[in-house]
């Protein structure tokens, strides 16, 4: 491994980060309790030297995509509060993000916040009118609200787009009667 190489570390359920091998070695030695003699390096003293640019990492600034991914991970663990927080951050950063609006609607619906979930699904469908997942979830939200006629209208719209999801929604509507 050369000094310009970096190691990527992925912690389950956590963010991925990249670290310089020297920093990794120092961190591991510190954890192990090994004494480390660190003296200032002349190569790192001047910020414009190549060694300095290789060691310094930019701070991790969340992006709409990284927040969306965080929200999906939270959904998978049914952490609806974190899922809502992450998806709201994603759509704030990138308002034209139908997947994030759909995930936001799903998380809100699972918190029983139906009016807000309907708004999120509406925005996902405004951005992508034939978005099968958003249609299915919107229909399911209508069933939860007892709005079976609205759910059937969504089902009619979903059938030509995605027969599998339409069948799932039809079953939910049937059980909701």
C-alpha atoms as a PDB file:
ATOM      1  CA  UNK A   1       0.000   0.000   0.000  1.00  0.00           C
ATOM      2  CA  UNK A   2       1.455   3.359  -0.954  1.00  0.00           C
ATOM      3  CA  UNK A   3       1.071   6.586   0.973  1.00  0.00           C
ATOM      4  CA  UNK A   4      -1.451   7.767  -1.602  1.00  0.00           C
ATOM      5  CA  UNK A   5      -3.766   4.798  -0.949  1.00  0.00           C
ATOM      6  CA  UNK A   6      -6.772   5.031   1.295  1.00  0.00           C
ATOM      7  CA  UNK A   7      -8.758   2.415   3.185  1.00  0.00           C
ATOM      8  CA  UNK A   8     -12.548   2.429   3.056  1.00  0.00           C
ATOM      9  CA  UNK A   9     -14.279   1.316   6.230  1.00  0.00           C
ATOM     10  CA  UNK A  10     -17.950   0.372   6.304  1.00  0.00           C
ATOM     11  CA  UNK A  11     -19.682  -0.107   9.636  1.00  0.00           C
ATOM     12  CA  UNK A  12     -23.007  -1.979   9.536  1.00  0.00           C
ATOM     13  CA  UNK A  13     -25.850   0.504   9.758  1.00  0.00           C
ATOM     14  CA  UNK A  14     -23.368   3.373   9.652  1.00  0.00           C
ATOM     15  CA  UNK A  15     -21.870   5.618   7.046  1.00  0.00           C
ATOM     16  CA  UNK A  16     -18.880   4.639   4.956  1.00  0.00           C
ATOM     17  CA  UNK A  17     -15.710   6.629   5.424  1.00  0.00           C
ATOM     18  CA  UNK A  18     -12.260   6.637   3.898  1.00  0.00           C
ATOM     19  CA  UNK A  19      -9.127   7.015   5.949  1.00  0.00           C
ATOM     20  CA  UNK A  20      -5.439   7.274   5.130  1.00  0.00           C
ATOM     21  CA  UNK A  21      -3.467   4.129   6.088  1.00  0.00           C
ATOM     22  CA  UNK A  22      -1.255   6.135   8.458  1.00  0.00           C
ATOM     23  CA  UNK A  23      -4.299   7.428  10.313  1.00  0.00           C
ATOM     24  CA  UNK A  24      -5.759   3.908  10.400  1.00  0.00           C
ATOM     25  CA  UNK A  25      -2.524   2.531  11.822  1.00  0.00           C
ATOM     26  CA  UNK A  26      -2.454   5.244  14.487  1.00  0.00           C
ATOM     27  CA  UNK A  27      -6.085   4.606  15.399  1.00  0.00           C
ATOM     28  CA  UNK A  28      -5.557   0.847  15.653  1.00  0.00           C
ATOM     29  CA  UNK A  29      -2.357   1.261  17.666  1.00  0.00           C
ATOM     30  CA  UNK A  30      -4.119   3.662  20.017  1.00  0.00           C
ATOM     31  CA  UNK A  31      -6.966   1.210  20.540  1.00  0.00           C
ATOM     32  CA  UNK A  32      -4.459  -1.568  21.181  1.00  0.00           C
ATOM     33  CA  UNK A  33      -2.593   0.630  23.680  1.00  0.00           C
ATOM     34  CA  UNK A  34       0.672   0.621  21.755  1.00  0.00           C
ATOM     35  CA  UNK A  35       2.924   3.619  22.356  1.00  0.00           C
ATOM     36  CA  UNK A  36       3.182   5.841  19.321  1.00  0.00           C
ATOM     37  CA  UNK A  37       5.938   8.375  18.811  1.00  0.00           C
ATOM     38  CA  UNK A  38       4.529  11.179  16.739  1.00  0.00           C
ATOM     39  CA  UNK A  39       6.708  14.050  15.725  1.00  0.00           C
ATOM     40  CA  UNK A  40       5.656  16.802  13.381  1.00  0.00           C
ATOM     41  CA  UNK A  41       6.559  15.875   9.861  1.00  0.00           C
ATOM     42  CA  UNK A  42       8.178  18.551   7.738  1.00  0.00           C
ATOM     43  CA  UNK A  43       6.183  17.219   4.769  1.00  0.00           C
ATOM     44  CA  UNK A  44       2.897  17.986   6.548  1.00  0.00           C
ATOM     45  CA  UNK A  45       3.905  21.433   7.772  1.00  0.00           C
ATOM     46  CA  UNK A  46       3.191  23.152   4.455  1.00  0.00           C
ATOM     47  CA  UNK A  47      -0.445  22.786   3.355  1.00  0.00           C
ATOM     48  CA  UNK A  48       0.459  22.955  -0.330  1.00  0.00           C
ATOM     49  CA  UNK A  49       2.800  19.964  -0.276  1.00  0.00           C
ATOM     50  CA  UNK A  50       1.557  16.751  -1.887  1.00  0.00           C
ATOM     51  CA  UNK A  51       1.809  14.866   1.418  1.00  0.00           C
ATOM     52  CA  UNK A  52      -0.621  17.264   3.102  1.00  0.00           C
ATOM     53  CA  UNK A  53      -3.221  16.902   0.362  1.00  0.00           C
ATOM     54  CA  UNK A  54      -2.971  13.122   0.585  1.00  0.00           C
ATOM     55  CA  UNK A  55      -3.639  13.041   4.333  1.00  0.00           C
ATOM     56  CA  UNK A  56      -6.347  15.677   4.649  1.00  0.00           C
ATOM     57  CA  UNK A  57      -9.848  14.570   3.890  1.00  0.00           C
ATOM     58  CA  UNK A  58     -12.784  16.863   3.197  1.00  0.00           C
ATOM     59  CA  UNK A  59     -15.445  16.888   5.869  1.00  0.00           C
ATOM     60  CA  UNK A  60     -18.349  14.616   5.060  1.00  0.00           C
ATOM     61  CA  UNK A  61     -21.157  16.869   3.884  1.00  0.00           C
ATOM     62  CA  UNK A  62     -24.476  15.077   3.524  1.00  0.00           C
ATOM     63  CA  UNK A  63     -26.014  15.010   0.068  1.00  0.00           C
ATOM     64  CA  UNK A  64     -29.592  14.364  -0.941  1.00  0.00           C
ATOM     65  CA  UNK A  65     -28.552  10.872  -2.006  1.00  0.00           C
ATOM     66  CA  UNK A  66     -26.717  10.101   1.237  1.00  0.00           C
ATOM     67  CA  UNK A  67     -29.714  11.302   3.266  1.00  0.00           C
ATOM     68  CA  UNK A  68     -32.035   9.193   1.094  1.00  0.00           C
ATOM     69  CA  UNK A  69     -29.807   6.169   1.726  1.00  0.00           C
ATOM     70  CA  UNK A  70     -29.808   6.902   5.462  1.00  0.00           C
ATOM     71  CA  UNK A  71     -33.604   7.061   5.357  1.00  0.00           C
ATOM     72  CA  UNK A  72     -33.840   3.735   3.539  1.00  0.00           C
ATOM     73  CA  UNK A  73     -31.558   2.134   6.141  1.00  0.00           C
ATOM     74  CA  UNK A  74     -33.774   3.570   8.888  1.00  0.00           C
ATOM     75  CA  UNK A  75     -36.874   2.180   7.123  1.00  0.00           C
ATOM     76  CA  UNK A  76     -35.308  -1.269   6.995  1.00  0.00           C
ATOM     77  CA  UNK A  77     -34.952  -1.190  10.790  1.00  0.00           C
ATOM     78  CA  UNK A  78     -38.413   0.413  11.158  1.00  0.00           C
ATOM     79  CA  UNK A  79     -36.902   3.513  12.736  1.00  0.00           C
ATOM     80  CA  UNK A  80     -39.643   5.739  11.347  1.00  0.00           C
ATOM     81  CA  UNK A  81     -38.511   8.887  13.149  1.00  0.00           C
ATOM     82  CA  UNK A  82     -35.033   8.700  11.616  1.00  0.00           C
ATOM     83  CA  UNK A  83     -36.489   7.725   8.252  1.00  0.00           C
ATOM     84  CA  UNK A  84     -38.714  10.821   8.229  1.00  0.00           C
ATOM     85  CA  UNK A  85     -35.823  13.045   9.320  1.00  0.00           C
ATOM     86  CA  UNK A  86     -33.497  11.700   6.624  1.00  0.00           C
ATOM     87  CA  UNK A  87     -36.050  11.846   3.810  1.00  0.00           C
ATOM     88  CA  UNK A  88     -37.073  15.395   4.787  1.00  0.00           C
ATOM     89  CA  UNK A  89     -33.400  16.360   4.587  1.00  0.00           C
ATOM     90  CA  UNK A  90     -33.123  14.688   1.168  1.00  0.00           C
ATOM     91  CA  UNK A  91     -36.117  16.535  -0.296  1.00  0.00           C
ATOM     92  CA  UNK A  92     -34.950  19.806   1.236  1.00  0.00           C
ATOM     93  CA  UNK A  93     -31.626  19.423  -0.531  1.00  0.00           C
ATOM     94  CA  UNK A  94     -33.197  18.173  -3.753  1.00  0.00           C
ATOM     95  CA  UNK A  95     -36.911  18.966  -4.038  1.00  0.00           C
ATOM     96  CA  UNK A  96     -37.261  17.122  -7.380  1.00  0.00           C
ATOM     97  CA  UNK A  97     -36.447  13.705  -5.823  1.00  0.00           C
ATOM     98  CA  UNK A  98     -39.537  11.497  -6.260  1.00  0.00           C
ATOM     99  CA  UNK A  99     -37.976   8.457  -4.573  1.00  0.00           C
ATOM    100  CA  UNK A 100     -37.286  10.468  -1.427  1.00  0.00           C
ATOM    101  CA  UNK A 101     -40.827  11.919  -1.430  1.00  0.00           C
ATOM    102  CA  UNK A 102     -42.193   8.381  -1.742  1.00  0.00           C
ATOM    103  CA  UNK A 103     -40.004   7.104   1.105  1.00  0.00           C
ATOM    104  CA  UNK A 104     -41.052  10.102   3.199  1.00  0.00           C
ATOM    105  CA  UNK A 105     -44.700   9.241   2.572  1.00  0.00           C
ATOM    106  CA  UNK A 106     -44.078   5.611   3.537  1.00  0.00           C
ATOM    107  CA  UNK A 107     -42.344   6.563   6.803  1.00  0.00           C
ATOM    108  CA  UNK A 108     -45.036   9.091   7.695  1.00  0.00           C
ATOM    109  CA  UNK A 109     -47.771   6.542   6.962  1.00  0.00           C
ATOM    110  CA  UNK A 110     -46.070   4.063   9.266  1.00  0.00           C
ATOM    111  CA  UNK A 111     -46.189   6.707  11.998  1.00  0.00           C
ATOM    112  CA  UNK A 112     -49.919   7.123  11.413  1.00  0.00           C
ATOM    113  CA  UNK A 113     -49.383  10.621  10.007  1.00  0.00           C
ATOM    114  CA  UNK A 114     -51.730  10.046   7.076  1.00  0.00           C
ATOM    115  CA  UNK A 115     -52.433  13.621   5.904  1.00  0.00           C
ATOM    116  CA  UNK A 116     -48.685  14.303   5.682  1.00  0.00           C
ATOM    117  CA  UNK A 117     -48.073  10.992   3.935  1.00  0.00           C
ATOM    118  CA  UNK A 118     -50.738  11.832   1.335  1.00  0.00           C
ATOM    119  CA  UNK A 119     -48.954  15.124   0.651  1.00  0.00           C
ATOM    120  CA  UNK A 120     -45.602  13.356   0.220  1.00  0.00           C
ATOM    121  CA  UNK A 121     -47.101  10.771  -2.168  1.00  0.00           C
ATOM    122  CA  UNK A 122     -48.792  13.574  -4.113  1.00  0.00           C
ATOM    123  CA  UNK A 123     -45.437  15.296  -4.577  1.00  0.00           C
ATOM    124  CA  UNK A 124     -43.756  12.039  -5.657  1.00  0.00           C
ATOM    125  CA  UNK A 125     -46.529  11.530  -8.207  1.00  0.00           C
ATOM    126  CA  UNK A 126     -46.381  15.140  -9.382  1.00  0.00           C
ATOM    127  CA  UNK A 127     -42.710  14.573 -10.142  1.00  0.00           C
ATOM    128  CA  UNK A 128     -43.242  11.097 -11.637  1.00  0.00           C
ATOM    129  CA  UNK A 129     -46.933  10.579 -12.496  1.00  0.00           C
ATOM    130  CA  UNK A 130     -46.671   6.837 -13.220  1.00  0.00           C
ATOM    131  CA  UNK A 131     -44.521   5.916 -10.215  1.00  0.00           C
ATOM    132  CA  UNK A 132     -45.838   2.435  -9.284  1.00  0.00           C
ATOM    133  CA  UNK A 133     -44.566   2.330  -5.686  1.00  0.00           C
ATOM    134  CA  UNK A 134     -46.000   5.759  -4.885  1.00  0.00           C
ATOM    135  CA  UNK A 135     -49.344   4.778  -6.411  1.00  0.00           C
ATOM    136  CA  UNK A 136     -49.481   1.548  -4.433  1.00  0.00           C
ATOM    137  CA  UNK A 137     -48.553   3.246  -1.156  1.00  0.00           C
ATOM    138  CA  UNK A 138     -51.013   6.087  -1.795  1.00  0.00           C
ATOM    139  CA  UNK A 139     -53.753   3.499  -2.302  1.00  0.00           C
ATOM    140  CA  UNK A 140     -52.772   1.744   0.921  1.00  0.00           C
ATOM    141  CA  UNK A 141     -52.872   5.072   2.797  1.00  0.00           C
ATOM    142  CA  UNK A 142     -56.390   5.658   1.455  1.00  0.00           C
ATOM    143  CA  UNK A 143     -57.433   2.216   2.729  1.00  0.00           C
ATOM    144  CA  UNK A 144     -56.031   3.052   6.194  1.00  0.00           C
ATOM    145  CA  UNK A 145     -58.108   6.234   6.131  1.00  0.00           C
ATOM    146  CA  UNK A 146     -61.235   4.295   5.083  1.00  0.00           C
ATOM    147  CA  UNK A 147     -61.277   6.067   1.708  1.00  0.00           C
ATOM    148  CA  UNK A 148     -61.902   2.926  -0.332  1.00  0.00           C
ATOM    149  CA  UNK A 149     -63.308   4.767  -3.364  1.00  0.00           C
ATOM    150  CA  UNK A 150     -60.104   6.809  -3.606  1.00  0.00           C
ATOM    151  CA  UNK A 151     -58.055   3.628  -3.182  1.00  0.00           C
ATOM    152  CA  UNK A 152     -59.972   1.989  -6.061  1.00  0.00           C
ATOM    153  CA  UNK A 153     -59.273   5.006  -8.303  1.00  0.00           C
ATOM    154  CA  UNK A 154     -55.573   4.630  -7.551  1.00  0.00           C
ATOM    155  CA  UNK A 155     -55.855   0.907  -8.286  1.00  0.00           C
ATOM    156  CA  UNK A 156     -57.383   1.662 -11.701  1.00  0.00           C
ATOM    157  CA  UNK A 157     -54.476   3.980 -12.421  1.00  0.00           C
ATOM    158  CA  UNK A 158     -51.920   1.402 -11.219  1.00  0.00           C
ATOM    159  CA  UNK A 159     -53.218  -1.666 -13.125  1.00  0.00           C
ATOM    160  CA  UNK A 160     -51.786  -0.809 -16.570  1.00  0.00           C
ATOM    161  CA  UNK A 161     -48.464   0.284 -15.052  1.00  0.00           C
ATOM    162  CA  UNK A 162     -47.598  -2.580 -12.673  1.00  0.00           C
ATOM    163  CA  UNK A 163     -49.840  -5.633 -12.459  1.00  0.00           C
ATOM    164  CA  UNK A 164     -48.006  -7.106  -9.450  1.00  0.00           C
ATOM    165  CA  UNK A 165     -48.324  -4.001  -7.324  1.00  0.00           C
ATOM    166  CA  UNK A 166     -51.910  -3.585  -8.518  1.00  0.00           C
ATOM    167  CA  UNK A 167     -52.695  -7.092  -7.268  1.00  0.00           C
ATOM    168  CA  UNK A 168     -51.138  -6.279  -3.881  1.00  0.00           C
ATOM    169  CA  UNK A 169     -53.204  -3.100  -3.609  1.00  0.00           C
ATOM    170  CA  UNK A 170     -56.361  -4.953  -4.676  1.00  0.00           C
ATOM    171  CA  UNK A 171     -55.791  -7.412  -1.823  1.00  0.00           C
ATOM    172  CA  UNK A 172     -55.333  -4.584   0.682  1.00  0.00           C
ATOM    173  CA  UNK A 173     -58.536  -2.943  -0.563  1.00  0.00           C
ATOM    174  CA  UNK A 174     -60.408  -6.251  -0.292  1.00  0.00           C
ATOM    175  CA  UNK A 175     -59.252  -6.697   3.318  1.00  0.00           C
ATOM    176  CA  UNK A 176     -60.136  -3.076   4.075  1.00  0.00           C
ATOM    177  CA  UNK A 177     -63.828  -3.587   3.276  1.00  0.00           C
END
